[in-house]
Amino acid sequence: MNGKQNHFKTGITCFGSSIIRVAPDFASLTIEVGVVDKKPKIAFSKTRETARKLNEFLQTWEKVDSRSSNISLREEQEHIGGSWKHVGYRASIRFHIVIKDINKVEEMLSGAVETGADRITSFMFGTSLLKEHRALARRNAVEAAIEKARNYCVAANVELGEVIRIEDVNPDFTSPYRESHVHNESTDLPESSQAIDPGSIAVNGAVQVTFKIVNKDGQGAT
């Protein structure tokens, strides 16, 4: 075999991850209206009336989508005198709401509570560009893995060869030790050295990449 041709040795596998922090552009929440009464019929009637008023309130808002559930009924108990006591029946209707103008979240939510919503069961901010941000995070994760592999090869006095395997990794289930090599899109500083916008959304990507290793002098096993 030609002595100038590169000879491949065993490979190197490196993990890379990426964090992109983006501003949210919508809020998603679930609220509930409900009434407790000793008689289910009355609980149903009052709950439907409150839900009607809340639905009318929501319809007055632009950039707000809402869907309501069917009415449900369950026994309501209270802890009285050291034991649980039956106090009636709670009829309830849930509303799932998406607010596309996050500057209006506080005002809309306050109005919903004043209209009759008595429970907030979930609340989160999101981004409508999640797919695009996640794709970038995954590309950055590959770059982070390549950077780490090159560093190892410099220390070992070998050259980094071509990629022979890429494994997608769920960033939510990575081990803590793997997080030592992270590509942070927002800044060149380590994440621990910067202030993080508490309202931002973290979009993560993680990958494990295997490369060939090439002898620098072209000498090795044939």
C-alpha atoms as a PDB file:
ATOM      1  CA  MET A   1       0.000   0.000   0.000  1.00  0.00           C
ATOM      2  CA  ASN A   2       1.192   3.512  -0.812  1.00  0.00           C
ATOM      3  CA  GLY A   3       3.128   4.853   2.190  1.00  0.00           C
ATOM      4  CA  LYS A   4       1.658   8.321   1.650  1.00  0.00           C
ATOM      5  CA  GLN A   5      -1.891   7.085   2.058  1.00  0.00           C
ATOM      6  CA  ASN A   6      -3.502   7.704   5.441  1.00  0.00           C
ATOM      7  CA  HIS A   7      -4.114   4.663   7.625  1.00  0.00           C
ATOM      8  CA  PHE A   8      -7.054   4.635  10.001  1.00  0.00           C
ATOM      9  CA  LYS A   9      -6.653   3.656  13.627  1.00  0.00           C
ATOM     10  CA  THR A  10      -9.440   3.030  16.115  1.00  0.00           C
ATOM     11  CA  GLY A  11     -12.073   5.758  16.317  1.00  0.00           C
ATOM     12  CA  ILE A  12     -12.947   8.402  18.871  1.00  0.00           C
ATOM     13  CA  THR A  13     -16.457   9.056  20.196  1.00  0.00           C
ATOM     14  CA  CYS A  14     -17.398  12.446  21.657  1.00  0.00           C
ATOM     15  CA  PHE A  15     -20.541  13.935  23.105  1.00  0.00           C
ATOM     16  CA  GLY A  16     -21.666  17.460  22.265  1.00  0.00           C
ATOM     17  CA  SER A  17     -24.608  19.548  23.401  1.00  0.00           C
ATOM     18  CA  SER A  18     -26.050  22.973  22.710  1.00  0.00           C
ATOM     19  CA  ILE A  19     -28.316  25.438  24.481  1.00  0.00           C
ATOM     20  CA  ILE A  20     -30.142  28.189  22.617  1.00  0.00           C
ATOM     21  CA  ARG A  21     -32.117  30.691  24.670  1.00  0.00           C
ATOM     22  CA  VAL A  22     -34.954  32.388  22.804  1.00  0.00           C
ATOM     23  CA  ALA A  23     -37.657  34.878  23.688  1.00  0.00           C
ATOM     24  CA  PRO A  24     -41.173  33.400  23.930  1.00  0.00           C
ATOM     25  CA  ASP A  25     -43.871  34.612  21.549  1.00  0.00           C
ATOM     26  CA  PHE A  26     -46.947  32.960  23.062  1.00  0.00           C
ATOM     27  CA  ALA A  27     -48.344  31.741  26.375  1.00  0.00           C
ATOM     28  CA  SER A  28     -50.342  28.562  26.905  1.00  0.00           C
ATOM     29  CA  LEU A  29     -52.492  28.032  29.966  1.00  0.00           C
ATOM     30  CA  THR A  30     -55.348  25.951  31.294  1.00  0.00           C
ATOM     31  CA  ILE A  31     -57.855  27.494  33.675  1.00  0.00           C
ATOM     32  CA  GLU A  32     -60.934  26.077  35.310  1.00  0.00           C
ATOM     33  CA  VAL A  33     -64.311  27.394  36.397  1.00  0.00           C
ATOM     34  CA  GLY A  34     -66.182  25.387  38.983  1.00  0.00           C
ATOM     35  CA  VAL A  35     -68.952  25.572  41.538  1.00  0.00           C
ATOM     36  CA  VAL A  36     -69.543  23.404  44.620  1.00  0.00           C
ATOM     37  CA  ASP A  37     -73.080  22.720  45.760  1.00  0.00           C
ATOM     38  CA  LYS A  38     -74.820  20.020  47.724  1.00  0.00           C
ATOM     39  CA  LYS A  39     -77.037  19.382  44.698  1.00  0.00           C
ATOM     40  CA  PRO A  40     -75.318  18.364  41.452  1.00  0.00           C
ATOM     41  CA  LYS A  41     -78.050  20.003  39.376  1.00  0.00           C
ATOM     42  CA  ILE A  42     -77.355  23.404  40.907  1.00  0.00           C
ATOM     43  CA  ALA A  43     -73.575  22.938  40.588  1.00  0.00           C
ATOM     44  CA  PHE A  44     -74.022  22.141  36.884  1.00  0.00           C
ATOM     45  CA  SER A  45     -76.245  25.160  36.268  1.00  0.00           C
ATOM     46  CA  LYS A  46     -74.015  27.687  38.032  1.00  0.00           C
ATOM     47  CA  THR A  47     -70.869  26.338  36.405  1.00  0.00           C
ATOM     48  CA  ARG A  48     -72.350  26.575  32.908  1.00  0.00           C
ATOM     49  CA  GLU A  49     -73.386  30.169  33.565  1.00  0.00           C
ATOM     50  CA  THR A  50     -69.899  31.133  34.776  1.00  0.00           C
ATOM     51  CA  ALA A  51     -68.315  29.346  31.795  1.00  0.00           C
ATOM     52  CA  ARG A  52     -70.614  31.270  29.433  1.00  0.00           C
ATOM     53  CA  LYS A  53     -69.466  34.587  30.905  1.00  0.00           C
ATOM     54  CA  LEU A  54     -65.812  33.553  30.690  1.00  0.00           C
ATOM     55  CA  ASN A  55     -66.217  32.465  27.072  1.00  0.00           C
ATOM     56  CA  GLU A  56     -67.788  35.837  26.201  1.00  0.00           C
ATOM     57  CA  PHE A  57     -64.868  37.580  27.901  1.00  0.00           C
ATOM     58  CA  LEU A  58     -62.304  35.543  25.961  1.00  0.00           C
ATOM     59  CA  GLN A  59     -64.027  36.291  22.647  1.00  0.00           C
ATOM     60  CA  THR A  60     -63.363  40.005  23.131  1.00  0.00           C
ATOM     61  CA  TRP A  61     -59.597  39.476  22.906  1.00  0.00           C
ATOM     62  CA  GLU A  62     -57.581  39.485  19.704  1.00  0.00           C
ATOM     63  CA  LYS A  63     -54.755  36.973  19.269  1.00  0.00           C
ATOM     64  CA  VAL A  64     -56.344  34.610  21.792  1.00  0.00           C
ATOM     65  CA  ASP A  65     -57.478  31.072  20.948  1.00  0.00           C
ATOM     66  CA  SER A  66     -59.539  29.122  23.475  1.00  0.00           C
ATOM     67  CA  ARG A  67     -61.224  25.743  23.723  1.00  0.00           C
ATOM     68  CA  SER A  68     -63.427  24.473  26.518  1.00  0.00           C
ATOM     69  CA  SER A  69     -63.936  20.948  27.805  1.00  0.00           C
ATOM     70  CA  ASN A  70     -67.153  19.117  28.596  1.00  0.00           C
ATOM     71  CA  ILE A  71     -68.526  19.713  32.056  1.00  0.00           C
ATOM     72  CA  SER A  72     -67.427  17.232  34.731  1.00  0.00           C
ATOM     73  CA  LEU A  73     -68.609  16.402  38.240  1.00  0.00           C
ATOM     74  CA  ARG A  74     -66.852  14.996  41.281  1.00  0.00           C
ATOM     75  CA  GLU A  75     -67.405  14.706  44.974  1.00  0.00           C
ATOM     76  CA  GLU A  76     -65.948  17.565  47.003  1.00  0.00           C
ATOM     77  CA  GLN A  77     -64.497  16.966  50.450  1.00  0.00           C
ATOM     78  CA  GLU A  78     -62.924  19.190  53.115  1.00  0.00           C
ATOM     79  CA  HIS A  79     -60.666  18.298  56.008  1.00  0.00           C
ATOM     80  CA  ILE A  80     -62.761  19.206  59.056  1.00  0.00           C
ATOM     81  CA  GLY A  81     -62.062  18.254  62.658  1.00  0.00           C
ATOM     82  CA  GLY A  82     -59.285  15.829  61.767  1.00  0.00           C
ATOM     83  CA  SER A  83     -61.201  13.912  59.116  1.00  0.00           C
ATOM     84  CA  TRP A  84     -62.493  14.345  55.574  1.00  0.00           C
ATOM     85  CA  LYS A  85     -66.125  15.396  55.274  1.00  0.00           C
ATOM     86  CA  HIS A  86     -68.396  15.375  52.258  1.00  0.00           C
ATOM     87  CA  VAL A  87     -69.435  18.972  51.485  1.00  0.00           C
ATOM     88  CA  GLY A  88     -71.095  18.594  48.107  1.00  0.00           C
ATOM     89  CA  TYR A  89     -70.318  18.174  44.421  1.00  0.00           C
ATOM     90  CA  ARG A  90     -68.014  20.250  42.263  1.00  0.00           C
ATOM     91  CA  ALA A  91     -68.993  20.775  38.651  1.00  0.00           C
ATOM     92  CA  SER A  92     -66.189  22.202  36.506  1.00  0.00           C
ATOM     93  CA  ILE A  93     -65.260  23.184  32.963  1.00  0.00           C
ATOM     94  CA  ARG A  94     -61.680  23.672  31.782  1.00  0.00           C
ATOM     95  CA  PHE A  95     -60.498  26.200  29.228  1.00  0.00           C
ATOM     96  CA  HIS A  96     -57.256  25.771  27.309  1.00  0.00           C
ATOM     97  CA  ILE A  97     -56.072  29.194  26.157  1.00  0.00           C
ATOM     98  CA  VAL A  98     -53.254  30.275  23.842  1.00  0.00           C
ATOM     99  CA  ILE A  99     -52.305  33.955  24.059  1.00  0.00           C
ATOM    100  CA  LYS A 100     -50.326  35.084  21.011  1.00  0.00           C
ATOM    101  CA  ASP A 101     -49.470  38.511  22.446  1.00  0.00           C
ATOM    102  CA  ILE A 102     -47.476  37.856  25.612  1.00  0.00           C
ATOM    103  CA  ASN A 103     -47.681  41.524  26.576  1.00  0.00           C
ATOM    104  CA  LYS A 104     -51.381  40.937  27.292  1.00  0.00           C
ATOM    105  CA  VAL A 105     -50.970  37.854  29.503  1.00  0.00           C
ATOM    106  CA  GLU A 106     -51.294  39.602  32.864  1.00  0.00           C
ATOM    107  CA  GLU A 107     -54.285  41.683  31.835  1.00  0.00           C
ATOM    108  CA  MET A 108     -56.112  38.771  30.230  1.00  0.00           C
ATOM    109  CA  LEU A 109     -55.456  36.380  33.097  1.00  0.00           C
ATOM    110  CA  SER A 110     -56.559  38.924  35.691  1.00  0.00           C
ATOM    111  CA  GLY A 111     -59.766  39.507  33.749  1.00  0.00           C
ATOM    112  CA  ALA A 112     -60.418  35.772  33.478  1.00  0.00           C
ATOM    113  CA  VAL A 113     -60.105  35.360  37.244  1.00  0.00           C
ATOM    114  CA  GLU A 114     -62.421  38.301  37.845  1.00  0.00           C
ATOM    115  CA  THR A 115     -64.925  36.758  35.434  1.00  0.00           C
ATOM    116  CA  GLY A 116     -65.057  33.516  37.389  1.00  0.00           C
ATOM    117  CA  ALA A 117     -62.017  31.328  36.712  1.00  0.00           C
ATOM    118  CA  ASP A 118     -61.070  29.896  40.108  1.00  0.00           C
ATOM    119  CA  ARG A 119     -58.182  27.562  39.284  1.00  0.00           C
ATOM    120  CA  ILE A 120     -55.094  27.791  37.062  1.00  0.00           C
ATOM    121  CA  THR A 121     -54.004  24.216  36.362  1.00  0.00           C
ATOM    122  CA  SER A 122     -51.130  24.931  33.960  1.00  0.00           C
ATOM    123  CA  PHE A 123     -49.164  27.885  32.605  1.00  0.00           C
ATOM    124  CA  MET A 124     -46.167  28.063  30.284  1.00  0.00           C
ATOM    125  CA  PHE A 125     -44.488  30.272  27.713  1.00  0.00           C
ATOM    126  CA  GLY A 126     -43.537  28.882  24.314  1.00  0.00           C
ATOM    127  CA  THR A 127     -42.125  29.730  20.905  1.00  0.00           C
ATOM    128  CA  SER A 128     -43.796  29.135  17.561  1.00  0.00           C
ATOM    129  CA  LEU A 129     -40.337  28.632  16.007  1.00  0.00           C
ATOM    130  CA  LEU A 130     -39.411  25.654  18.175  1.00  0.00           C
ATOM    131  CA  LYS A 131     -38.688  23.384  15.186  1.00  0.00           C
ATOM    132  CA  GLU A 132     -36.224  25.874  13.669  1.00  0.00           C
ATOM    133  CA  HIS A 133     -34.494  26.583  16.983  1.00  0.00           C
ATOM    134  CA  ARG A 134     -34.187  22.875  17.774  1.00  0.00           C
ATOM    135  CA  ALA A 135     -32.643  22.188  14.356  1.00  0.00           C
ATOM    136  CA  LEU A 136     -30.010  24.875  15.025  1.00  0.00           C
ATOM    137  CA  ALA A 137     -29.331  23.489  18.506  1.00  0.00           C
ATOM    138  CA  ARG A 138     -28.691  20.043  17.018  1.00  0.00           C
ATOM    139  CA  ARG A 139     -26.273  21.455  14.428  1.00  0.00           C
ATOM    140  CA  ASN A 140     -24.462  23.349  17.164  1.00  0.00           C
ATOM    141  CA  ALA A 141     -24.258  20.147  19.218  1.00  0.00           C
ATOM    142  CA  VAL A 142     -22.456  18.431  16.344  1.00  0.00           C
ATOM    143  CA  GLU A 143     -20.003  21.345  16.142  1.00  0.00           C
ATOM    144  CA  ALA A 144     -19.388  21.043  19.886  1.00  0.00           C
ATOM    145  CA  ALA A 145     -18.610  17.332  19.506  1.00  0.00           C
ATOM    146  CA  ILE A 146     -16.215  18.055  16.630  1.00  0.00           C
ATOM    147  CA  GLU A 147     -14.418  20.724  18.679  1.00  0.00           C
ATOM    148  CA  LYS A 148     -13.964  18.315  21.564  1.00  0.00           C
ATOM    149  CA  ALA A 149     -12.708  15.528  19.283  1.00  0.00           C
ATOM    150  CA  ARG A 150     -10.151  17.845  17.648  1.00  0.00           C
ATOM    151  CA  ASN A 151      -8.844  18.842  21.054  1.00  0.00           C
ATOM    152  CA  TYR A 152      -8.312  15.207  22.002  1.00  0.00           C
ATOM    153  CA  CYS A 153      -6.556  14.516  18.711  1.00  0.00           C
ATOM    154  CA  VAL A 154      -4.160  17.430  19.217  1.00  0.00           C
ATOM    155  CA  ALA A 155      -3.262  16.046  22.636  1.00  0.00           C
ATOM    156  CA  ALA A 156      -2.771  12.560  21.186  1.00  0.00           C
ATOM    157  CA  ASN A 157      -0.755  13.827  18.169  1.00  0.00           C
ATOM    158  CA  VAL A 158      -3.145  12.296  15.635  1.00  0.00           C
ATOM    159  CA  GLU A 159      -5.500  13.768  13.054  1.00  0.00           C
ATOM    160  CA  LEU A 160      -9.261  13.706  13.189  1.00  0.00           C
ATOM    161  CA  GLY A 161     -10.794  11.670  10.381  1.00  0.00           C
ATOM    162  CA  GLU A 162     -14.257  11.544   8.857  1.00  0.00           C
ATOM    163  CA  VAL A 163     -17.482  11.040  10.787  1.00  0.00           C
ATOM    164  CA  ILE A 164     -18.560   7.393  10.799  1.00  0.00           C
ATOM    165  CA  ARG A 165     -21.515   7.515  13.190  1.00  0.00           C
ATOM    166  CA  ILE A 166     -23.920  10.113  14.598  1.00  0.00           C
ATOM    167  CA  GLU A 167     -26.310   9.275  17.429  1.00  0.00           C
ATOM    168  CA  ASP A 168     -29.083  11.641  18.449  1.00  0.00           C
ATOM    169  CA  VAL A 169     -29.298  11.999  22.235  1.00  0.00           C
ATOM    170  CA  ASN A 170     -32.258  13.237  24.246  1.00  0.00           C
ATOM    171  CA  PRO A 171     -30.799  16.267  26.089  1.00  0.00           C
ATOM    172  CA  ASP A 172     -33.280  15.770  28.938  1.00  0.00           C
ATOM    173  CA  PHE A 173     -31.692  12.438  29.861  1.00  0.00           C
ATOM    174  CA  THR A 174     -27.977  13.180  29.611  1.00  0.00           C
ATOM    175  CA  SER A 175     -25.654  12.536  32.516  1.00  0.00           C
ATOM    176  CA  PRO A 176     -24.367  15.582  34.437  1.00  0.00           C
ATOM    177  CA  TYR A 177     -20.733  14.877  33.483  1.00  0.00           C
ATOM    178  CA  ARG A 178     -21.601  15.225  29.811  1.00  0.00           C
ATOM    179  CA  GLU A 179     -22.724  18.806  30.293  1.00  0.00           C
ATOM    180  CA  SER A 180     -19.110  19.974  30.569  1.00  0.00           C
ATOM    181  CA  HIS A 181     -18.953  20.611  26.825  1.00  0.00           C
ATOM    182  CA  VAL A 182     -21.846  22.797  25.776  1.00  0.00           C
ATOM    183  CA  HIS A 183     -22.203  25.156  22.820  1.00  0.00           C
ATOM    184  CA  ASN A 184     -24.077  28.211  24.108  1.00  0.00           C
ATOM    185  CA  GLU A 185     -25.599  30.141  21.214  1.00  0.00           C
ATOM    186  CA  SER A 186     -26.260  33.307  23.189  1.00  0.00           C
ATOM    187  CA  THR A 187     -22.629  34.114  24.103  1.00  0.00           C
ATOM    188  CA  ASP A 188     -19.054  32.864  24.019  1.00  0.00           C
ATOM    189  CA  LEU A 189     -18.868  32.941  27.811  1.00  0.00           C
ATOM    190  CA  PRO A 190     -19.540  29.793  29.828  1.00  0.00           C
ATOM    191  CA  GLU A 191     -23.179  29.656  30.869  1.00  0.00           C
ATOM    192  CA  SER A 192     -22.235  29.726  34.545  1.00  0.00           C
ATOM    193  CA  SER A 193     -20.522  33.108  34.014  1.00  0.00           C
ATOM    194  CA  GLN A 194     -23.473  34.967  32.552  1.00  0.00           C
ATOM    195  CA  ALA A 195     -26.828  36.274  33.667  1.00  0.00           C
ATOM    196  CA  ILE A 196     -29.714  34.360  32.107  1.00  0.00           C
ATOM    197  CA  ASP A 197     -32.982  36.010  31.129  1.00  0.00           C
ATOM    198  CA  PRO A 198     -35.496  34.283  33.431  1.00  0.00           C
ATOM    199  CA  GLY A 199     -38.190  34.711  30.799  1.00  0.00           C
ATOM    200  CA  SER A 200     -36.246  32.970  28.025  1.00  0.00           C
ATOM    201  CA  ILE A 201     -36.908  29.460  26.735  1.00  0.00           C
ATOM    202  CA  ALA A 202     -34.023  26.981  26.673  1.00  0.00           C
ATOM    203  CA  VAL A 203     -33.943  24.869  23.501  1.00  0.00           C
ATOM    204  CA  ASN A 204     -31.470  21.992  23.813  1.00  0.00           C
ATOM    205  CA  GLY A 205     -29.720  19.668  21.417  1.00  0.00           C
ATOM    206  CA  ALA A 206     -27.388  16.763  22.147  1.00  0.00           C
ATOM    207  CA  VAL A 207     -25.499  14.279  20.020  1.00  0.00           C
ATOM    208  CA  GLN A 208     -22.813  11.621  20.201  1.00  0.00           C
ATOM    209  CA  VAL A 209     -20.449  11.479  17.227  1.00  0.00           C
ATOM    210  CA  THR A 210     -17.859   8.831  16.312  1.00  0.00           C
ATOM    211  CA  PHE A 211     -14.891   9.771  14.091  1.00  0.00           C
ATOM    212  CA  LYS A 212     -12.024   7.930  12.470  1.00  0.00           C
ATOM    213  CA  ILE A 213      -8.505   8.700  13.721  1.00  0.00           C
ATOM    214  CA  VAL A 214      -5.732   9.152  11.153  1.00  0.00           C
ATOM    215  CA  ASN A 215      -1.961   8.797  11.723  1.00  0.00           C
ATOM    216  CA  LYS A 216      -0.221  12.080  10.945  1.00  0.00           C
ATOM    217  CA  ASP A 217       2.743  10.385   9.232  1.00  0.00           C
ATOM    218  CA  GLY A 218       0.618   8.015   7.211  1.00  0.00           C
ATOM    219  CA  GLN A 219       2.301   5.016   8.833  1.00  0.00           C
ATOM    220  CA  GLY A 220       0.275   2.341  10.547  1.00  0.00           C
ATOM    221  CA  ALA A 221      -1.476  -0.918  10.071  1.00  0.00           C
ATOM    222  CA  THR A 222      -2.335  -1.756   6.478  1.00  0.00           C
END
